[in-house]
Amino acid sequence: MNTSFSRGERIRKRRDYLLLADSGKKISTTHFIVIWRTGECGHARLGITVSRKVGIAVIRNRVKRRIREFFRLHKELFFTADFNIIGKRGAERLSYHGICRELDKALRSIRNQTCSSGC
């Protein structure tokens, strides 16, 4: 199993984030918003956004690191699509396991929605 987070698995261009925001589907949890859009690249790509409302740079970066680690270790939950995970206020108080529980539940819900309409 590949547990890296390679360059090809990242959303890096502003244009891609804007496309996701305009035409992506959205699910909201207590601490995160997950926006996804079926991708053309053949694998899942991840973008992470954490606003200044969450805290200072050190705290925002910690949240981003934990989300990246979740993606890296749980790639089987991510289907072929572009995902933007947005950290909301309060996400900084979650432990890594809390982040895992919340994102796992959200991604399973997304998978059920997507697969029920045709997988």
C-alpha atoms as a PDB file:
ATOM      1  CA  MET A   1       0.000   0.000   0.000  1.00  0.00           C
ATOM      2  CA  ASN A   2       1.326   3.406  -0.985  1.00  0.00           C
ATOM      3  CA  THR A   3       1.364   5.674   2.073  1.00  0.00           C
ATOM      4  CA  SER A   4       3.006   8.694   0.493  1.00  0.00           C
ATOM      5  CA  PHE A   5       1.426  12.040  -0.324  1.00  0.00           C
ATOM      6  CA  SER A   6       2.942  12.731  -3.703  1.00  0.00           C
ATOM      7  CA  ARG A   7       2.780  15.892  -5.747  1.00  0.00           C
ATOM      8  CA  GLY A   8       0.212  14.344  -8.084  1.00  0.00           C
ATOM      9  CA  GLU A   9      -2.135  13.737  -5.157  1.00  0.00           C
ATOM     10  CA  ARG A  10      -2.273  17.411  -4.196  1.00  0.00           C
ATOM     11  CA  ILE A  11      -4.509  20.157  -5.488  1.00  0.00           C
ATOM     12  CA  ARG A  12      -2.061  22.962  -6.062  1.00  0.00           C
ATOM     13  CA  LYS A  13      -3.627  25.454  -8.455  1.00  0.00           C
ATOM     14  CA  ARG A  14      -6.079  28.190  -7.535  1.00  0.00           C
ATOM     15  CA  ARG A  15      -8.077  27.344 -10.649  1.00  0.00           C
ATOM     16  CA  ASP A  16      -8.713  23.826  -9.286  1.00  0.00           C
ATOM     17  CA  TYR A  17      -9.870  25.170  -5.910  1.00  0.00           C
ATOM     18  CA  LEU A  18     -12.234  27.610  -7.651  1.00  0.00           C
ATOM     19  CA  LEU A  19     -13.606  24.852  -9.895  1.00  0.00           C
ATOM     20  CA  LEU A  20     -14.257  22.721  -6.826  1.00  0.00           C
ATOM     21  CA  ALA A  21     -15.999  25.599  -5.050  1.00  0.00           C
ATOM     22  CA  ASP A  22     -18.184  26.362  -8.086  1.00  0.00           C
ATOM     23  CA  SER A  23     -19.196  22.895  -9.216  1.00  0.00           C
ATOM     24  CA  GLY A  24     -18.354  20.550  -6.346  1.00  0.00           C
ATOM     25  CA  LYS A  25     -20.713  18.845  -3.937  1.00  0.00           C
ATOM     26  CA  LYS A  26     -20.454  19.705  -0.268  1.00  0.00           C
ATOM     27  CA  ILE A  27     -20.964  17.986   3.059  1.00  0.00           C
ATOM     28  CA  SER A  28     -20.511  19.715   6.388  1.00  0.00           C
ATOM     29  CA  THR A  29     -19.554  18.240   9.744  1.00  0.00           C
ATOM     30  CA  THR A  30     -19.048  19.919  13.086  1.00  0.00           C
ATOM     31  CA  HIS A  31     -15.418  20.880  12.393  1.00  0.00           C
ATOM     32  CA  PHE A  32     -14.960  20.395   8.643  1.00  0.00           C
ATOM     33  CA  ILE A  33     -16.491  21.095   5.260  1.00  0.00           C
ATOM     34  CA  VAL A  34     -15.653  18.533   2.598  1.00  0.00           C
ATOM     35  CA  ILE A  35     -16.113  19.585  -1.024  1.00  0.00           C
ATOM     36  CA  TRP A  36     -15.620  16.998  -3.746  1.00  0.00           C
ATOM     37  CA  ARG A  37     -15.885  16.754  -7.493  1.00  0.00           C
ATOM     38  CA  THR A  38     -15.295  13.700  -9.644  1.00  0.00           C
ATOM     39  CA  GLY A  39     -11.778  13.950 -11.042  1.00  0.00           C
ATOM     40  CA  GLU A  40     -10.340  13.128 -14.429  1.00  0.00           C
ATOM     41  CA  CYS A  41      -6.833  12.268 -13.256  1.00  0.00           C
ATOM     42  CA  GLY A  42      -7.542   8.647 -12.258  1.00  0.00           C
ATOM     43  CA  HIS A  43      -6.836   8.997  -8.536  1.00  0.00           C
ATOM     44  CA  ALA A  44      -7.909  11.051  -5.529  1.00  0.00           C
ATOM     45  CA  ARG A  45      -6.410  14.508  -5.035  1.00  0.00           C
ATOM     46  CA  LEU A  46      -6.534  16.495  -1.811  1.00  0.00           C
ATOM     47  CA  GLY A  47      -6.542  20.186  -1.043  1.00  0.00           C
ATOM     48  CA  ILE A  48      -6.650  21.549   2.492  1.00  0.00           C
ATOM     49  CA  THR A  49      -7.879  24.964   3.559  1.00  0.00           C
ATOM     50  CA  VAL A  50      -7.759  26.247   7.122  1.00  0.00           C
ATOM     51  CA  SER A  51      -8.676  29.889   7.661  1.00  0.00           C
ATOM     52  CA  ARG A  52      -7.161  32.349  10.094  1.00  0.00           C
ATOM     53  CA  LYS A  53     -10.291  32.053  12.215  1.00  0.00           C
ATOM     54  CA  VAL A  54      -8.969  28.684  13.407  1.00  0.00           C
ATOM     55  CA  GLY A  55      -5.867  30.213  14.986  1.00  0.00           C
ATOM     56  CA  ILE A  56      -2.318  31.344  14.445  1.00  0.00           C
ATOM     57  CA  ALA A  57      -0.102  29.759  11.773  1.00  0.00           C
ATOM     58  CA  VAL A  58       1.332  27.109  14.095  1.00  0.00           C
ATOM     59  CA  ILE A  59      -2.151  25.874  14.973  1.00  0.00           C
ATOM     60  CA  ARG A  60      -3.431  26.007  11.371  1.00  0.00           C
ATOM     61  CA  ASN A  61      -0.412  24.056  10.174  1.00  0.00           C
ATOM     62  CA  ARG A  62      -0.957  21.399  12.864  1.00  0.00           C
ATOM     63  CA  VAL A  63      -4.549  20.907  11.669  1.00  0.00           C
ATOM     64  CA  LYS A  64      -3.319  20.641   8.055  1.00  0.00           C
ATOM     65  CA  ARG A  65      -0.633  18.105   9.002  1.00  0.00           C
ATOM     66  CA  ARG A  66      -3.211  15.946  10.749  1.00  0.00           C
ATOM     67  CA  ILE A  67      -5.561  16.058   7.754  1.00  0.00           C
ATOM     68  CA  ARG A  68      -2.688  15.138   5.411  1.00  0.00           C
ATOM     69  CA  GLU A  69      -1.784  12.223   7.678  1.00  0.00           C
ATOM     70  CA  PHE A  70      -5.388  11.044   7.629  1.00  0.00           C
ATOM     71  CA  PHE A  71      -5.377  11.131   3.813  1.00  0.00           C
ATOM     72  CA  ARG A  72      -2.036   9.366   3.633  1.00  0.00           C
ATOM     73  CA  LEU A  73      -3.133   6.484   5.869  1.00  0.00           C
ATOM     74  CA  HIS A  74      -6.757   6.181   4.704  1.00  0.00           C
ATOM     75  CA  LYS A  75      -6.542   6.473   0.920  1.00  0.00           C
ATOM     76  CA  GLU A  76      -9.029   3.627   0.531  1.00  0.00           C
ATOM     77  CA  LEU A  77     -11.800   5.982   1.732  1.00  0.00           C
ATOM     78  CA  PHE A  78     -11.077   8.474  -1.049  1.00  0.00           C
ATOM     79  CA  PHE A  79     -12.492   7.545  -4.466  1.00  0.00           C
ATOM     80  CA  THR A  80     -11.318   9.069  -7.768  1.00  0.00           C
ATOM     81  CA  ALA A  81     -12.208  12.710  -7.182  1.00  0.00           C
ATOM     82  CA  ASP A  82     -10.790  16.037  -6.089  1.00  0.00           C
ATOM     83  CA  PHE A  83     -11.390  16.807  -2.423  1.00  0.00           C
ATOM     84  CA  ASN A  84     -11.003  20.060  -0.535  1.00  0.00           C
ATOM     85  CA  ILE A  85     -11.213  19.679   3.227  1.00  0.00           C
ATOM     86  CA  ILE A  86     -11.855  22.989   4.957  1.00  0.00           C
ATOM     87  CA  GLY A  87     -11.108  23.262   8.658  1.00  0.00           C
ATOM     88  CA  LYS A  88     -13.673  25.226  10.632  1.00  0.00           C
ATOM     89  CA  ARG A  89     -13.295  26.986  13.957  1.00  0.00           C
ATOM     90  CA  GLY A  90     -12.890  24.363  16.675  1.00  0.00           C
ATOM     91  CA  ALA A  91     -10.923  21.909  14.508  1.00  0.00           C
ATOM     92  CA  GLU A  92      -7.771  22.925  16.360  1.00  0.00           C
ATOM     93  CA  ARG A  93      -9.140  21.386  19.574  1.00  0.00           C
ATOM     94  CA  LEU A  94      -9.534  17.930  18.026  1.00  0.00           C
ATOM     95  CA  SER A  95      -6.947  15.251  18.580  1.00  0.00           C
ATOM     96  CA  TYR A  96      -5.691  13.287  15.595  1.00  0.00           C
ATOM     97  CA  HIS A  97      -8.123  10.486  16.457  1.00  0.00           C
ATOM     98  CA  GLY A  98     -10.992  12.980  16.671  1.00  0.00           C
ATOM     99  CA  ILE A  99     -10.135  14.259  13.202  1.00  0.00           C
ATOM    100  CA  CYS A 100      -9.977  10.669  11.929  1.00  0.00           C
ATOM    101  CA  ARG A 101     -13.397   9.816  13.366  1.00  0.00           C
ATOM    102  CA  GLU A 102     -15.076  12.899  11.938  1.00  0.00           C
ATOM    103  CA  LEU A 103     -13.515  12.673   8.459  1.00  0.00           C
ATOM    104  CA  ASP A 104     -14.080   8.904   8.307  1.00  0.00           C
ATOM    105  CA  LYS A 105     -17.783   9.408   8.987  1.00  0.00           C
ATOM    106  CA  ALA A 106     -18.017  12.225   6.401  1.00  0.00           C
ATOM    107  CA  LEU A 107     -16.215  10.235   3.696  1.00  0.00           C
ATOM    108  CA  ARG A 108     -18.337   7.142   4.271  1.00  0.00           C
ATOM    109  CA  SER A 109     -21.425   9.324   3.925  1.00  0.00           C
ATOM    110  CA  ILE A 110     -20.065  10.813   0.677  1.00  0.00           C
ATOM    111  CA  ARG A 111     -19.260   7.344  -0.670  1.00  0.00           C
ATOM    112  CA  ASN A 112     -22.806   6.162   0.151  1.00  0.00           C
ATOM    113  CA  GLN A 113     -24.326   9.198  -1.598  1.00  0.00           C
ATOM    114  CA  THR A 114     -22.108   8.792  -4.640  1.00  0.00           C
ATOM    115  CA  CYS A 115     -22.460   5.022  -4.956  1.00  0.00           C
ATOM    116  CA  SER A 116     -26.236   5.083  -4.514  1.00  0.00           C
ATOM    117  CA  SER A 117     -26.513   7.348  -7.573  1.00  0.00           C
ATOM    118  CA  GLY A 118     -24.271   5.075  -9.651  1.00  0.00           C
ATOM    119  CA  CYS A 119     -20.782   3.867  -8.812  1.00  0.00           C
END
